[in-house]
Amino acid sequence: MSNIYETLVERGIIAQCTNEEKVREILDNTKVPFYIGFDPTADSLHIGHFVQIMVMAHMQRAGHIPIALVGGGTAKIGDPSGKTDMRKMLSDDDIARNAAGLKEQLSRFIDFSDGKALLVNNGDWLLNLNYVDFLRDIGVHFSVNRMLTAECFRQRLERGLNFIEFNYMLMQSYDFYRLYKDYGCIMEFGGDDQWSNIIGGVELVRRKEAKEVYGVTFSLLTTSDGVKMGKTVKGAVWLNKDKTPPYELYQYLRNVADPDVIKCLKLLTFVPIEEIREMEQWKDSKINQAKERLAYEVTKIVHGKEEADKAAEVSRSLFGGSGSSDIRYRHDAGGEAHTVKRRGEKAHTAGRRIHKRCQDRGC
């Protein structure tokens, strides 16, 4: 086994861990099943999910077994973590359609052949639960007082937390328990905003099975100011090329702020850490080369080399050797990127030509 834990640490991926010494030992010496959950709240993943995908890819490359859990059950409730209001309630048809879209996308990044990874839907066990039995068997292990101290609930209390959302932690915790029982899964990875939910699952397995399982959270995709990235004035930056064309994905990443490019290279690409450390020393205009590398590498992973080549070519033809539109983004509190700077007639008129040029090149 490779030193995967150290790799994740070097790349700034790991944020918190329930038992760091034990997790490091297990990941570096034993082949283990681990899981990451994806609620199908849309028919495509977006750039914010890409950290999760890269974690799964790094772990699979190191010999571990990813379990991609599609939340066909939890999506009917909606995760309150990081949200100021209740999520939109989705119909069964919406959830089924979205789940199918996520399964297709995940298959492009993770190798599910020959048992190298598993794709599971938590609707298989959540949707037919008996509520009274669930409360007696699972709910009894949760303290309401402790739940209310969790960040995912505490930040919602002032504006109102719906009881249906309050059940989300129990459902996610039950997912971990079922994956442990059914697949021998001993580790859950998730965004740092999932820490409380992950701890709930770790504690549930310990209480019911007297076994130790582990939780690891990874850094969220945020700017240097701590604001979530992944939105523009057009909306989310999707990984589906019909929703966000490859060129737009490329240019979004090409125009990240200078302080964010190194972090994005570590989180979103396979560029060796030694090369990234060299780029950390680059200053002034040379940092644009790091941005071009970031944009190209992510576009290549998401859409393939051909689309990445096309996007890079369009960028160079529109904006010259720099590939930059001289457009910079300011991310507001909701993560939306707004144009704050644009210089020169070339940059001013370039946007009008992008659509036609991309159509001509098929990007």
Protein backbone atom coordinates (compact mmCIF):
# COMPACT_ATOMS: atom_id res chain seq x y z
CA MET A 1 0.00 0.00 0.00
CA SER A 2 1.12 3.56 -0.65
CA ASN A 3 1.40 6.34 1.92
CA ILE A 4 -2.03 7.63 0.94
CA TYR A 5 -2.71 9.36 4.24
CA GLU A 6 0.43 11.47 3.88
CA THR A 7 -0.54 12.23 0.28
CA LEU A 8 -3.92 13.55 1.41
CA VAL A 9 -2.29 15.61 4.17
CA GLU A 10 0.33 17.09 1.81
CA ARG A 11 -2.38 18.16 -0.59
CA GLY A 12 -4.31 19.90 2.18
CA ILE A 13 -7.26 17.56 1.75
CA ILE A 14 -7.74 16.24 5.28
CA ALA A 15 -9.42 18.62 7.72
CA GLN A 16 -10.48 16.46 10.70
CA CYS A 17 -10.17 12.81 11.71
CA THR A 18 -11.71 10.75 14.53
CA ASN A 19 -8.53 8.77 15.30
CA GLU A 20 -5.67 10.08 13.20
CA GLU A 21 -3.05 7.57 14.30
CA LYS A 22 -5.32 4.60 13.63
CA VAL A 23 -6.65 5.97 10.34
CA ARG A 24 -3.11 6.56 9.09
CA GLU A 25 -2.10 3.02 10.05
CA ILE A 26 -5.14 1.45 8.37
CA LEU A 27 -4.94 3.44 5.14
CA ASP A 28 -1.22 2.89 4.70
CA ASN A 29 -1.25 -0.85 5.44
CA THR A 30 -4.70 -2.35 4.78
CA LYS A 31 -7.10 -2.44 1.84
CA VAL A 32 -10.39 -1.07 3.19
CA PRO A 33 -13.86 -0.14 1.93
CA PHE A 34 -14.76 3.52 2.56
CA TYR A 35 -17.73 5.60 1.52
CA ILE A 36 -18.68 9.08 0.42
CA GLY A 37 -22.31 10.15 0.00
CA PHE A 38 -23.86 12.16 -2.83
CA ASP A 39 -27.45 13.34 -2.46
CA PRO A 40 -29.15 13.60 -5.90
CA THR A 41 -30.47 17.13 -5.46
CA ALA A 42 -29.66 17.86 -9.14
CA ASP A 43 -29.06 15.75 -12.24
CA SER A 44 -25.36 16.66 -12.27
CA LEU A 45 -22.52 17.13 -9.83
CA HIS A 46 -20.83 20.53 -9.73
CA ILE A 47 -17.27 21.72 -9.19
CA GLY A 48 -17.83 21.80 -5.41
CA HIS A 49 -18.32 18.02 -5.51
CA PHE A 50 -15.04 17.56 -7.32
CA VAL A 51 -13.03 17.40 -4.09
CA GLN A 52 -15.11 14.35 -3.08
CA ILE A 53 -14.47 12.76 -6.47
CA MET A 54 -10.73 13.39 -6.23
CA VAL A 55 -10.60 11.88 -2.73
CA MET A 56 -12.26 8.73 -4.07
CA ALA A 57 -9.85 8.63 -7.02
CA HIS A 58 -6.76 9.10 -4.83
CA MET A 59 -7.98 6.37 -2.47
CA GLN A 60 -8.77 3.97 -5.29
CA ARG A 61 -5.35 4.54 -6.84
CA ALA A 62 -3.88 3.57 -3.47
CA GLY A 63 -5.74 0.25 -3.54
CA HIS A 64 -8.78 1.04 -1.38
CA ILE A 65 -12.40 0.29 -2.32
CA PRO A 66 -14.69 3.32 -2.79
CA ILE A 67 -18.38 3.01 -2.06
CA ALA A 68 -20.25 5.83 -3.77
CA LEU A 69 -23.51 6.18 -1.87
CA VAL A 70 -26.25 7.90 -3.85
CA GLY A 71 -28.80 9.35 -1.45
CA GLY A 72 -32.05 8.21 -3.00
CA GLY A 73 -33.54 8.17 0.50
CA THR A 74 -31.83 11.11 2.20
CA ALA A 75 -32.59 13.37 -0.78
CA LYS A 76 -36.27 13.18 0.18
CA ILE A 77 -35.36 14.98 3.42
CA GLY A 78 -32.50 17.30 2.50
CA ASP A 79 -29.28 17.92 4.41
CA PRO A 80 -29.52 21.14 6.47
CA SER A 81 -25.71 21.44 6.71
CA GLY A 82 -24.49 24.77 5.38
CA LYS A 83 -28.01 25.91 4.46
CA THR A 84 -29.84 28.93 5.85
CA ASP A 85 -33.23 27.66 4.65
CA MET A 86 -34.89 24.31 4.11
CA ARG A 87 -33.98 22.64 0.83
CA LYS A 88 -36.58 22.33 -1.90
CA MET A 89 -38.61 19.14 -1.58
CA LEU A 90 -38.06 16.91 -4.60
CA SER A 91 -40.54 14.51 -6.17
CA ASP A 92 -39.81 10.80 -6.50
CA ASP A 93 -39.40 11.24 -10.26
CA ASP A 94 -36.93 14.11 -9.76
CA ILE A 95 -34.85 12.06 -7.34
CA ALA A 96 -34.82 9.01 -9.62
CA ARG A 97 -33.79 11.10 -12.63
CA ASN A 98 -31.10 12.92 -10.66
CA ALA A 99 -29.77 9.67 -9.18
CA ALA A 100 -29.41 8.20 -12.67
CA GLY A 101 -27.44 11.28 -13.76
CA LEU A 102 -25.09 11.05 -10.78
CA LYS A 103 -24.45 7.35 -11.35
CA GLU A 104 -23.44 8.03 -14.95
CA GLN A 105 -21.12 10.86 -13.94
CA LEU A 106 -19.43 8.98 -11.10
CA SER A 107 -18.69 6.11 -13.48
CA ARG A 108 -16.51 8.47 -15.52
CA PHE A 109 -14.20 9.14 -12.58
CA ILE A 110 -14.21 5.90 -10.59
CA ASP A 111 -13.55 2.38 -11.89
CA PHE A 112 -16.51 0.22 -10.83
CA SER A 113 -15.41 -2.88 -12.74
CA ASP A 114 -14.54 -6.19 -11.06
CA GLY A 115 -15.49 -5.02 -7.58
CA LYS A 116 -12.95 -2.18 -7.56
CA ALA A 117 -15.69 0.16 -6.35
CA LEU A 118 -19.36 -0.07 -5.41
CA LEU A 119 -22.31 2.13 -6.29
CA VAL A 120 -25.08 1.90 -3.67
CA ASN A 121 -28.38 3.73 -3.15
CA ASN A 122 -29.51 4.35 0.44
CA GLY A 123 -33.11 4.35 -0.74
CA ASP A 124 -32.78 0.56 -0.72
CA TRP A 125 -32.90 0.55 3.09
CA LEU A 126 -34.32 3.92 4.07
CA LEU A 127 -37.51 4.10 2.04
CA ASN A 128 -39.15 1.01 3.57
CA LEU A 129 -38.17 1.57 7.20
CA ASN A 130 -40.80 1.20 9.90
CA TYR A 131 -40.73 4.53 11.73
CA VAL A 132 -41.49 3.18 15.20
CA ASP A 133 -38.91 0.42 14.84
CA PHE A 134 -36.37 2.96 13.60
CA LEU A 135 -36.94 5.19 16.63
CA ARG A 136 -36.60 2.24 19.03
CA ASP A 137 -33.53 0.72 17.35
CA ILE A 138 -31.68 3.83 16.18
CA GLY A 139 -33.19 6.97 17.71
CA VAL A 140 -32.59 5.70 21.23
CA HIS A 141 -28.83 6.09 20.70
CA PHE A 142 -28.99 9.84 19.98
CA SER A 143 -29.04 12.66 22.51
CA VAL A 144 -31.13 15.65 21.45
CA ASN A 145 -29.05 17.91 23.67
CA ARG A 146 -25.88 16.82 21.91
CA MET A 147 -27.47 17.07 18.47
CA LEU A 148 -28.45 20.69 19.12
CA THR A 149 -24.79 21.58 19.68
CA ALA A 150 -23.88 20.34 16.20
CA GLU A 151 -22.91 23.16 13.86
CA CYS A 152 -25.25 21.90 11.12
CA PHE A 153 -28.23 22.44 13.45
CA ARG A 154 -27.00 25.29 15.63
CA GLN A 155 -26.61 27.72 12.73
CA ARG A 156 -30.21 27.05 11.70
CA LEU A 157 -31.92 27.44 15.07
CA GLU A 158 -32.32 31.22 14.84
CA ARG A 159 -34.09 31.03 11.47
CA GLY A 160 -35.94 27.81 12.20
CA LEU A 161 -35.09 24.15 11.83
CA ASN A 162 -37.78 21.86 10.46
CA PHE A 163 -38.32 18.56 12.28
CA ILE A 164 -37.94 16.62 9.04
CA GLU A 165 -34.41 18.05 8.65
CA PHE A 166 -33.63 17.20 12.27
CA ASN A 167 -33.92 13.54 11.27
CA TYR A 168 -31.18 13.85 8.65
CA MET A 169 -28.36 13.12 11.09
CA LEU A 170 -30.04 9.87 12.15
CA MET A 171 -30.49 8.82 8.54
CA GLN A 172 -26.89 9.52 7.56
CA SER A 173 -25.66 7.78 10.69
CA TYR A 174 -27.83 4.79 9.82
CA ASP A 175 -26.24 4.75 6.35
CA PHE A 176 -22.82 4.22 7.93
CA TYR A 177 -24.22 1.48 10.15
CA ARG A 178 -25.80 -0.34 7.19
CA LEU A 179 -22.68 0.00 5.05
CA TYR A 180 -20.63 -1.40 7.92
CA LYS A 181 -23.01 -4.35 8.34
CA ASP A 182 -23.58 -5.07 4.64
CA TYR A 183 -20.21 -4.23 3.07
CA GLY A 184 -17.68 -4.12 5.90
CA CYS A 185 -17.22 -0.38 5.39
CA ILE A 186 -15.16 1.04 8.25
CA MET A 187 -14.54 4.60 7.10
CA GLU A 188 -16.63 7.57 5.99
CA PHE A 189 -15.21 10.58 4.18
CA GLY A 190 -17.13 13.82 3.77
CA GLY A 191 -16.84 17.57 3.55
CA ASP A 192 -15.86 19.37 6.74
CA ASP A 193 -19.46 20.58 7.12
CA GLN A 194 -20.45 16.91 7.57
CA TRP A 195 -18.37 16.38 10.71
CA SER A 196 -21.32 16.14 13.11
CA ASN A 197 -23.21 13.72 10.86
CA ILE A 198 -20.12 11.55 10.45
CA ILE A 199 -19.53 11.47 14.21
CA GLY A 200 -23.15 10.34 14.58
CA GLY A 201 -22.44 7.30 12.40
CA VAL A 202 -19.20 6.47 14.17
CA GLU A 203 -20.99 6.58 17.53
CA LEU A 204 -23.94 4.54 16.28
CA VAL A 205 -21.73 1.67 15.10
CA ARG A 206 -19.82 1.77 18.38
CA ARG A 207 -23.02 1.62 20.44
CA LYS A 208 -24.74 -1.09 18.42
CA GLU A 209 -21.79 -3.24 17.39
CA ALA A 210 -19.08 -2.39 19.95
CA LYS A 211 -16.73 -1.79 17.00
CA GLU A 212 -14.60 1.20 16.08
CA VAL A 213 -15.14 2.79 12.70
CA TYR A 214 -13.61 6.03 11.52
CA GLY A 215 -14.59 9.39 10.10
CA VAL A 216 -12.47 11.75 8.04
CA THR A 217 -13.48 15.14 6.69
CA PHE A 218 -11.78 16.99 3.87
CA SER A 219 -11.41 20.66 3.08
CA LEU A 220 -14.24 22.39 1.28
CA LEU A 221 -13.58 24.21 -1.98
CA THR A 222 -13.44 27.79 -0.74
CA THR A 223 -11.65 30.99 -1.59
CA SER A 224 -8.86 32.37 0.58
CA ASP A 225 -11.61 34.40 2.31
CA GLY A 226 -13.45 31.21 3.28
CA VAL A 227 -16.33 31.60 0.81
CA LYS A 228 -17.51 28.52 -1.09
CA MET A 229 -16.48 28.45 -4.74
CA GLY A 230 -18.44 26.99 -7.62
CA LYS A 231 -20.94 29.56 -8.82
CA THR A 232 -20.94 32.30 -11.43
CA VAL A 233 -23.56 34.83 -12.45
CA LYS A 234 -24.96 32.04 -14.68
CA GLY A 235 -25.33 29.67 -11.74
CA ALA A 236 -23.41 26.61 -10.59
CA VAL A 237 -20.33 25.39 -12.46
CA TRP A 238 -21.53 21.91 -13.41
CA LEU A 239 -19.54 18.84 -14.43
CA ASN A 240 -22.10 18.10 -17.16
CA LYS A 241 -20.98 19.73 -20.42
CA ASP A 242 -24.59 20.33 -21.47
CA LYS A 243 -25.04 22.53 -18.38
CA THR A 244 -21.56 24.08 -18.25
CA PRO A 245 -19.61 23.72 -21.53
CA PRO A 246 -15.96 22.61 -21.19
CA TYR A 247 -14.72 26.06 -22.23
CA GLU A 248 -16.71 27.75 -19.44
CA LEU A 249 -15.32 25.29 -16.89
CA TYR A 250 -11.82 25.96 -18.22
CA GLN A 251 -12.21 29.72 -18.09
CA TYR A 252 -13.79 29.70 -14.63
CA LEU A 253 -10.71 27.92 -13.27
CA ARG A 254 -8.35 30.01 -15.40
CA ASN A 255 -9.70 33.09 -13.69
CA VAL A 256 -9.48 32.00 -10.05
CA ALA A 257 -7.88 34.57 -7.78
CA ASP A 258 -4.11 34.41 -7.32
CA PRO A 259 -4.30 33.30 -3.65
CA ASP A 260 -6.57 30.36 -4.57
CA VAL A 261 -4.73 28.70 -7.46
CA ILE A 262 -2.29 26.59 -5.41
CA LYS A 263 -5.03 25.28 -3.14
CA CYS A 264 -7.13 24.36 -6.18
CA LEU A 265 -4.19 22.58 -7.81
CA LYS A 266 -3.73 20.48 -4.67
CA LEU A 267 -7.42 19.66 -4.23
CA LEU A 268 -8.62 19.28 -7.81
CA THR A 269 -5.76 17.75 -9.82
CA PHE A 270 -3.25 14.91 -9.85
CA VAL A 271 -0.35 17.29 -10.50
CA PRO A 272 2.52 15.97 -8.35
CA ILE A 273 2.94 17.85 -5.09
CA GLU A 274 6.60 18.58 -5.95
CA GLU A 275 5.52 20.53 -9.04
CA ILE A 276 2.87 22.40 -7.07
CA ARG A 277 5.46 23.41 -4.46
CA GLU A 278 7.56 24.91 -7.25
CA MET A 279 4.51 26.85 -8.47
CA GLU A 280 4.01 28.24 -4.96
CA GLN A 281 7.17 30.28 -5.53
CA TRP A 282 5.88 31.85 -8.75
CA LYS A 283 5.00 35.51 -8.60
CA ASP A 284 3.31 38.19 -10.68
CA SER A 285 2.53 37.20 -14.27
CA LYS A 286 4.08 33.74 -13.91
CA ILE A 287 1.22 32.68 -11.65
CA ASN A 288 -0.92 32.72 -14.81
CA GLN A 289 0.93 29.59 -15.96
CA ALA A 290 -0.24 27.83 -12.80
CA LYS A 291 -3.81 28.93 -13.53
CA GLU A 292 -3.60 27.59 -17.07
CA ARG A 293 -2.30 24.29 -15.72
CA LEU A 294 -5.16 24.15 -13.21
CA ALA A 295 -7.80 24.88 -15.84
CA TYR A 296 -6.36 22.37 -18.30
CA GLU A 297 -5.89 19.53 -15.79
CA VAL A 298 -9.41 19.78 -14.33
CA THR A 299 -11.05 20.11 -17.74
CA LYS A 300 -9.09 17.07 -18.93
CA ILE A 301 -10.20 14.97 -15.95
CA VAL A 302 -13.84 16.03 -16.30
CA HIS A 303 -14.27 16.11 -20.09
CA GLY A 304 -11.21 14.39 -21.57
CA LYS A 305 -8.01 15.55 -23.23
CA GLU A 306 -9.66 16.49 -26.53
CA GLU A 307 -12.11 18.89 -24.88
CA ALA A 308 -9.35 20.33 -22.68
CA ASP A 309 -7.20 20.96 -25.76
CA LYS A 310 -10.10 22.70 -27.50
CA ALA A 311 -10.84 24.88 -24.49
CA ALA A 312 -7.18 25.88 -24.14
CA GLU A 313 -7.00 26.70 -27.84
CA VAL A 314 -10.11 28.87 -27.70
CA SER A 315 -8.79 30.65 -24.62
CA ARG A 316 -5.46 31.40 -26.30
CA SER A 317 -7.10 32.55 -29.53
CA LEU A 318 -9.45 34.89 -27.70
CA PHE A 319 -7.10 36.31 -25.11
CA GLY A 320 -3.64 35.83 -26.58
CA GLY A 321 -0.80 33.94 -24.97
CA SER A 322 -2.00 34.69 -21.46
CA GLY A 323 -5.26 32.82 -21.93
CA SER A 324 -6.77 35.28 -19.49
CA SER A 325 -9.88 37.32 -20.13
CA ASP A 326 -8.73 39.80 -17.47
CA ILE A 327 -12.02 39.04 -15.76
CA ARG A 328 -11.73 38.34 -12.07
CA TYR A 329 -14.37 36.91 -9.78
CA ARG A 330 -15.45 38.02 -6.32
CA HIS A 331 -17.34 35.27 -4.47
CA ASP A 332 -20.20 36.51 -2.33
CA ALA A 333 -21.47 34.81 0.84
CA GLY A 334 -23.50 32.37 -1.23
CA GLY A 335 -20.46 31.34 -3.26
CA GLU A 336 -21.55 33.18 -6.39
CA ALA A 337 -18.77 34.71 -8.48
CA HIS A 338 -19.29 38.26 -9.73
CA THR A 339 -17.19 40.06 -12.31
CA VAL A 340 -15.17 42.78 -10.58
CA LYS A 341 -12.50 43.70 -13.11
CA ARG A 342 -12.25 43.77 -16.89
CA ARG A 343 -9.57 45.57 -18.85
CA GLY A 344 -9.11 46.40 -22.48
CA GLU A 345 -11.26 46.29 -25.58
CA LYS A 346 -10.14 42.74 -26.33
CA ALA A 347 -11.47 41.48 -23.04
CA HIS A 348 -14.60 43.62 -23.36
CA THR A 349 -15.64 42.15 -26.70
CA ALA A 350 -14.29 38.63 -26.22
CA GLY A 351 -17.39 37.33 -24.48
CA ARG A 352 -19.46 38.05 -27.58
CA ARG A 353 -17.21 35.80 -29.64
CA ILE A 354 -16.92 32.91 -27.18
CA HIS A 355 -20.17 31.20 -28.06
CA LYS A 356 -19.53 31.17 -31.81
CA ARG A 357 -15.87 30.17 -31.45
CA CYS A 358 -16.78 27.32 -29.15
CA GLN A 359 -19.50 26.18 -31.53
CA ASP A 360 -17.01 26.16 -34.39
CA ARG A 361 -14.62 23.99 -32.37
CA GLY A 362 -17.30 21.85 -30.80
CA CYS A 363 -16.42 22.75 -27.22
